């Protein structure tokens, strides 16, 4: 399969918030548990929170701008994600992004002066666990891990759907991470 970054004409690009690897590890364990308990008909999602759909990927200077702006918005506080929620994910028809709802709003002011590449903003902000058909969303009654974290990064995510033997699948690649600073001095 060609590199997702070099096939931009067929790939979608998103700006995503990437929680620390410890949080992503917790989410992967939770996802594995649900699959072992019999969850079917869903697609994995890379345990990131999409912030915006882009017409073109951001460069590292632009990612640094977003990292600093998000840290200013969030401050030193931890972000909590205790409830599960779903939202539209424009790359997939008839599927919704399902996962932990972040208890912060997508702050549109951080995109000022950088809006030329933005096609749409996401709301609510959800750390994706799965892409799931709408009719299955009500079936999630398992206790979910409660998340709280301070360390996170922003990155470009390249996304592409494909078909193999009549089955739809999804491939993604997370670009270079730009970590939110610990403090703004």
C-alpha atoms as a PDB file:
ATOM      1  CA  UNK A   1       0.000   0.000   0.000  1.00  0.00           C
ATOM      2  CA  UNK A   2       1.397   3.462  -0.853  1.00  0.00           C
ATOM      3  CA  UNK A   3       2.433   5.801   1.933  1.00  0.00           C
ATOM      4  CA  UNK A   4      -0.634   7.708   3.159  1.00  0.00           C
ATOM      5  CA  UNK A   5       1.186  11.044   3.222  1.00  0.00           C
ATOM      6  CA  UNK A   6       2.135  10.773  -0.456  1.00  0.00           C
ATOM      7  CA  UNK A   7      -1.386   9.852  -1.585  1.00  0.00           C
ATOM      8  CA  UNK A   8      -3.054  12.994  -0.291  1.00  0.00           C
ATOM      9  CA  UNK A   9      -5.430  13.165  -3.258  1.00  0.00           C
ATOM     10  CA  UNK A  10      -7.095  10.003  -1.938  1.00  0.00           C
ATOM     11  CA  UNK A  11      -6.513  10.568   1.777  1.00  0.00           C
ATOM     12  CA  UNK A  12      -8.261  12.812   4.252  1.00  0.00           C
ATOM     13  CA  UNK A  13      -6.229  14.842   6.723  1.00  0.00           C
ATOM     14  CA  UNK A  14      -7.250  15.668  10.288  1.00  0.00           C
ATOM     15  CA  UNK A  15      -5.715  17.659  13.111  1.00  0.00           C
ATOM     16  CA  UNK A  16      -5.894  15.411  16.169  1.00  0.00           C
ATOM     17  CA  UNK A  17      -5.248  15.619  19.890  1.00  0.00           C
ATOM     18  CA  UNK A  18      -3.128  12.652  21.007  1.00  0.00           C
ATOM     19  CA  UNK A  19      -3.263  11.649  24.691  1.00  0.00           C
ATOM     20  CA  UNK A  20      -0.142  10.303  26.392  1.00  0.00           C
ATOM     21  CA  UNK A  21       0.704   6.676  25.569  1.00  0.00           C
ATOM     22  CA  UNK A  22      -0.381   5.525  29.062  1.00  0.00           C
ATOM     23  CA  UNK A  23      -3.923   6.725  28.326  1.00  0.00           C
ATOM     24  CA  UNK A  24      -3.884   5.167  24.854  1.00  0.00           C
ATOM     25  CA  UNK A  25      -2.750   1.888  26.464  1.00  0.00           C
ATOM     26  CA  UNK A  26      -5.732   1.972  28.850  1.00  0.00           C
ATOM     27  CA  UNK A  27      -8.057   2.554  25.922  1.00  0.00           C
ATOM     28  CA  UNK A  28      -6.579  -0.306  23.888  1.00  0.00           C
ATOM     29  CA  UNK A  29      -7.083  -2.682  26.846  1.00  0.00           C
ATOM     30  CA  UNK A  30     -10.689  -1.527  27.134  1.00  0.00           C
ATOM     31  CA  UNK A  31     -11.227  -2.001  23.381  1.00  0.00           C
ATOM     32  CA  UNK A  32      -9.729  -5.507  23.545  1.00  0.00           C
ATOM     33  CA  UNK A  33     -12.041  -6.363  26.454  1.00  0.00           C
ATOM     34  CA  UNK A  34     -15.115  -5.289  24.485  1.00  0.00           C
ATOM     35  CA  UNK A  35     -14.057  -7.341  21.464  1.00  0.00           C
ATOM     36  CA  UNK A  36     -13.443 -10.417  23.676  1.00  0.00           C
ATOM     37  CA  UNK A  37     -16.915  -9.940  25.158  1.00  0.00           C
ATOM     38  CA  UNK A  38     -18.402 -10.248  21.696  1.00  0.00           C
ATOM     39  CA  UNK A  39     -18.563  -6.749  20.208  1.00  0.00           C
ATOM     40  CA  UNK A  40     -18.671  -7.101  16.414  1.00  0.00           C
ATOM     41  CA  UNK A  41     -19.325  -4.913  13.389  1.00  0.00           C
ATOM     42  CA  UNK A  42     -17.095  -2.065  14.559  1.00  0.00           C
ATOM     43  CA  UNK A  43     -13.792  -0.674  13.293  1.00  0.00           C
ATOM     44  CA  UNK A  44     -10.793   0.288  15.431  1.00  0.00           C
ATOM     45  CA  UNK A  45      -9.943   3.956  15.758  1.00  0.00           C
ATOM     46  CA  UNK A  46      -6.471   5.193  16.752  1.00  0.00           C
ATOM     47  CA  UNK A  47      -7.310   6.509  20.298  1.00  0.00           C
ATOM     48  CA  UNK A  48      -7.003  10.175  19.303  1.00  0.00           C
ATOM     49  CA  UNK A  49      -9.500  13.052  19.413  1.00  0.00           C
ATOM     50  CA  UNK A  50     -10.081  14.709  16.029  1.00  0.00           C
ATOM     51  CA  UNK A  51     -10.081  18.505  16.314  1.00  0.00           C
ATOM     52  CA  UNK A  52     -10.560  19.513  12.664  1.00  0.00           C
ATOM     53  CA  UNK A  53     -10.751  18.160   9.140  1.00  0.00           C
ATOM     54  CA  UNK A  54      -8.090  19.825   7.002  1.00  0.00           C
ATOM     55  CA  UNK A  55      -7.604  20.529   3.315  1.00  0.00           C
ATOM     56  CA  UNK A  56      -3.841  20.198   3.817  1.00  0.00           C
ATOM     57  CA  UNK A  57      -1.614  19.015   6.667  1.00  0.00           C
ATOM     58  CA  UNK A  58      -0.132  21.530   9.077  1.00  0.00           C
ATOM     59  CA  UNK A  59       3.625  22.022   9.287  1.00  0.00           C
ATOM     60  CA  UNK A  60       5.518  21.780  12.567  1.00  0.00           C
ATOM     61  CA  UNK A  61       5.404  25.547  13.232  1.00  0.00           C
ATOM     62  CA  UNK A  62       1.622  25.502  12.867  1.00  0.00           C
ATOM     63  CA  UNK A  63       1.368  22.451  15.137  1.00  0.00           C
ATOM     64  CA  UNK A  64       3.471  24.290  17.749  1.00  0.00           C
ATOM     65  CA  UNK A  65       1.023  27.198  17.530  1.00  0.00           C
ATOM     66  CA  UNK A  66      -1.894  24.856  18.273  1.00  0.00           C
ATOM     67  CA  UNK A  67      -0.010  23.127  21.077  1.00  0.00           C
ATOM     68  CA  UNK A  68       0.704  26.444  22.807  1.00  0.00           C
ATOM     69  CA  UNK A  69      -2.849  27.723  22.222  1.00  0.00           C
ATOM     70  CA  UNK A  70      -4.383  24.561  23.645  1.00  0.00           C
ATOM     71  CA  UNK A  71      -2.132  24.705  26.707  1.00  0.00           C
ATOM     72  CA  UNK A  72      -3.255  28.314  27.267  1.00  0.00           C
ATOM     73  CA  UNK A  73      -6.892  27.212  27.000  1.00  0.00           C
ATOM     74  CA  UNK A  74      -6.522  24.164  29.241  1.00  0.00           C
ATOM     75  CA  UNK A  75      -3.939  25.600  31.637  1.00  0.00           C
ATOM     76  CA  UNK A  76      -2.204  23.198  34.009  1.00  0.00           C
ATOM     77  CA  UNK A  77      -5.441  21.345  34.679  1.00  0.00           C
ATOM     78  CA  UNK A  78      -5.961  17.750  33.720  1.00  0.00           C
ATOM     79  CA  UNK A  79      -8.511  16.882  31.089  1.00  0.00           C
ATOM     80  CA  UNK A  80     -11.138  14.402  32.201  1.00  0.00           C
ATOM     81  CA  UNK A  81     -12.965  11.952  29.999  1.00  0.00           C
ATOM     82  CA  UNK A  82     -15.477   9.932  31.972  1.00  0.00           C
ATOM     83  CA  UNK A  83     -18.537   9.589  29.744  1.00  0.00           C
ATOM     84  CA  UNK A  84     -18.898   7.813  26.435  1.00  0.00           C
ATOM     85  CA  UNK A  85     -20.352   9.669  23.483  1.00  0.00           C
ATOM     86  CA  UNK A  86     -20.604   9.568  19.712  1.00  0.00           C
ATOM     87  CA  UNK A  87     -20.111  12.081  16.931  1.00  0.00           C
ATOM     88  CA  UNK A  88     -20.142  12.293  13.171  1.00  0.00           C
ATOM     89  CA  UNK A  89     -16.842  11.362  11.530  1.00  0.00           C
ATOM     90  CA  UNK A  90     -16.881  12.739   7.965  1.00  0.00           C
ATOM     91  CA  UNK A  91     -14.620  10.030   6.548  1.00  0.00           C
ATOM     92  CA  UNK A  92     -17.223   7.297   7.094  1.00  0.00           C
ATOM     93  CA  UNK A  93     -20.838   7.245   6.037  1.00  0.00           C
ATOM     94  CA  UNK A  94     -23.329   5.376   8.231  1.00  0.00           C
ATOM     95  CA  UNK A  95     -20.751   5.143  11.039  1.00  0.00           C
ATOM     96  CA  UNK A  96     -20.125   7.321  14.050  1.00  0.00           C
ATOM     97  CA  UNK A  97     -17.000   7.924  16.061  1.00  0.00           C
ATOM     98  CA  UNK A  98     -17.576   6.429  19.493  1.00  0.00           C
ATOM     99  CA  UNK A  99     -15.409   6.933  22.553  1.00  0.00           C
ATOM    100  CA  UNK A 100     -14.596   9.006  25.613  1.00  0.00           C
ATOM    101  CA  UNK A 101     -16.018  12.514  25.552  1.00  0.00           C
ATOM    102  CA  UNK A 102     -13.371  15.066  26.580  1.00  0.00           C
ATOM    103  CA  UNK A 103     -14.592  17.590  29.093  1.00  0.00           C
ATOM    104  CA  UNK A 104     -13.268  20.523  27.087  1.00  0.00           C
ATOM    105  CA  UNK A 105     -14.786  22.353  24.156  1.00  0.00           C
ATOM    106  CA  UNK A 106     -13.043  22.628  20.816  1.00  0.00           C
ATOM    107  CA  UNK A 107     -11.791  26.220  21.202  1.00  0.00           C
ATOM    108  CA  UNK A 108     -12.325  27.872  17.792  1.00  0.00           C
ATOM    109  CA  UNK A 109     -10.144  30.868  18.732  1.00  0.00           C
ATOM    110  CA  UNK A 110      -6.994  28.716  18.624  1.00  0.00           C
ATOM    111  CA  UNK A 111      -7.476  28.382  14.875  1.00  0.00           C
ATOM    112  CA  UNK A 112      -7.357  32.142  14.232  1.00  0.00           C
ATOM    113  CA  UNK A 113      -4.844  32.998  11.501  1.00  0.00           C
ATOM    114  CA  UNK A 114      -4.696  29.282  10.595  1.00  0.00           C
ATOM    115  CA  UNK A 115      -8.192  28.795   9.172  1.00  0.00           C
ATOM    116  CA  UNK A 116      -7.267  28.504   5.487  1.00  0.00           C
ATOM    117  CA  UNK A 117      -6.640  24.764   5.849  1.00  0.00           C
ATOM    118  CA  UNK A 118      -9.681  23.991   8.021  1.00  0.00           C
ATOM    119  CA  UNK A 119     -12.658  22.352   6.335  1.00  0.00           C
ATOM    120  CA  UNK A 120     -14.641  21.738   9.545  1.00  0.00           C
ATOM    121  CA  UNK A 121     -14.243  21.613  13.332  1.00  0.00           C
ATOM    122  CA  UNK A 122     -15.295  18.643  15.462  1.00  0.00           C
ATOM    123  CA  UNK A 123     -17.717  18.884  18.345  1.00  0.00           C
ATOM    124  CA  UNK A 124     -17.903  17.207  20.778  1.00  0.00           C
ATOM    125  CA  UNK A 125     -14.272  16.216  21.221  1.00  0.00           C
ATOM    126  CA  UNK A 126     -14.085  12.448  21.526  1.00  0.00           C
ATOM    127  CA  UNK A 127     -11.090  10.163  21.962  1.00  0.00           C
ATOM    128  CA  UNK A 128     -12.092   7.522  19.469  1.00  0.00           C
ATOM    129  CA  UNK A 129     -12.390   3.906  20.530  1.00  0.00           C
ATOM    130  CA  UNK A 130     -14.310   2.675  17.496  1.00  0.00           C
ATOM    131  CA  UNK A 131     -16.176   3.609  14.379  1.00  0.00           C
ATOM    132  CA  UNK A 132     -19.543   2.062  15.035  1.00  0.00           C
ATOM    133  CA  UNK A 133     -22.920   1.810  13.281  1.00  0.00           C
ATOM    134  CA  UNK A 134     -25.445   4.106  14.939  1.00  0.00           C
ATOM    135  CA  UNK A 135     -27.773   1.268  15.879  1.00  0.00           C
ATOM    136  CA  UNK A 136     -25.048  -0.358  18.038  1.00  0.00           C
ATOM    137  CA  UNK A 137     -24.340   2.700  20.173  1.00  0.00           C
ATOM    138  CA  UNK A 138     -27.029   1.912  22.738  1.00  0.00           C
ATOM    139  CA  UNK A 139     -25.499  -1.524  23.362  1.00  0.00           C
ATOM    140  CA  UNK A 140     -22.527  -0.064  25.251  1.00  0.00           C
ATOM    141  CA  UNK A 141     -23.332  -0.588  28.906  1.00  0.00           C
ATOM    142  CA  UNK A 142     -19.948  -1.842  30.111  1.00  0.00           C
ATOM    143  CA  UNK A 143     -18.168   0.247  32.703  1.00  0.00           C
ATOM    144  CA  UNK A 144     -15.693   2.436  30.891  1.00  0.00           C
ATOM    145  CA  UNK A 145     -12.336   3.472  32.288  1.00  0.00           C
ATOM    146  CA  UNK A 146     -12.361   6.993  33.636  1.00  0.00           C
ATOM    147  CA  UNK A 147      -9.548   8.990  32.083  1.00  0.00           C
ATOM    148  CA  UNK A 148      -7.677  11.988  33.385  1.00  0.00           C
ATOM    149  CA  UNK A 149      -4.497  13.281  31.804  1.00  0.00           C
ATOM    150  CA  UNK A 150      -2.339  16.360  31.374  1.00  0.00           C
ATOM    151  CA  UNK A 151       0.234  15.165  28.813  1.00  0.00           C
ATOM    152  CA  UNK A 152      -0.989  15.333  25.222  1.00  0.00           C
ATOM    153  CA  UNK A 153       0.175  16.286  21.751  1.00  0.00           C
ATOM    154  CA  UNK A 154      -1.287  17.540  18.488  1.00  0.00           C
ATOM    155  CA  UNK A 155      -0.539  15.925  15.140  1.00  0.00           C
ATOM    156  CA  UNK A 156      -1.770  15.463  11.600  1.00  0.00           C
ATOM    157  CA  UNK A 157      -3.620  12.223  10.967  1.00  0.00           C
ATOM    158  CA  UNK A 158      -3.838  10.854   7.425  1.00  0.00           C
ATOM    159  CA  UNK A 159      -6.901   8.682   6.800  1.00  0.00           C
ATOM    160  CA  UNK A 160      -7.941   6.463   3.935  1.00  0.00           C
ATOM    161  CA  UNK A 161     -10.621   3.867   3.370  1.00  0.00           C
ATOM    162  CA  UNK A 162     -10.048   0.848   1.149  1.00  0.00           C
ATOM    163  CA  UNK A 163     -11.878  -2.249  -0.026  1.00  0.00           C
ATOM    164  CA  UNK A 164     -10.478  -5.771   0.051  1.00  0.00           C
ATOM    165  CA  UNK A 165     -12.588  -8.673  -1.141  1.00  0.00           C
ATOM    166  CA  UNK A 166     -15.670  -6.457  -0.932  1.00  0.00           C
ATOM    167  CA  UNK A 167     -14.989  -5.531   2.708  1.00  0.00           C
ATOM    168  CA  UNK A 168     -14.347  -1.941   3.735  1.00  0.00           C
ATOM    169  CA  UNK A 169     -11.338  -1.166   5.880  1.00  0.00           C
ATOM    170  CA  UNK A 170      -9.511   1.911   7.130  1.00  0.00           C
ATOM    171  CA  UNK A 171      -5.854   2.835   7.320  1.00  0.00           C
ATOM    172  CA  UNK A 172      -4.403   5.776   9.165  1.00  0.00           C
ATOM    173  CA  UNK A 173      -1.079   7.277   9.989  1.00  0.00           C
ATOM    174  CA  UNK A 174      -0.393   9.728  12.783  1.00  0.00           C
ATOM    175  CA  UNK A 175       2.216  12.311  11.818  1.00  0.00           C
ATOM    176  CA  UNK A 176       4.952  13.683  14.033  1.00  0.00           C
ATOM    177  CA  UNK A 177       3.695  14.586  17.516  1.00  0.00           C
ATOM    178  CA  UNK A 178       3.981  18.126  18.842  1.00  0.00           C
ATOM    179  CA  UNK A 179       3.545  17.945  22.627  1.00  0.00           C
ATOM    180  CA  UNK A 180       1.702  20.630  24.512  1.00  0.00           C
ATOM    181  CA  UNK A 181       4.162  22.488  26.710  1.00  0.00           C
ATOM    182  CA  UNK A 182       4.024  21.723  30.428  1.00  0.00           C
ATOM    183  CA  UNK A 183       3.958  25.397  31.300  1.00  0.00           C
ATOM    184  CA  UNK A 184       3.773  28.638  29.395  1.00  0.00           C
ATOM    185  CA  UNK A 185       6.480  30.954  30.619  1.00  0.00           C
END
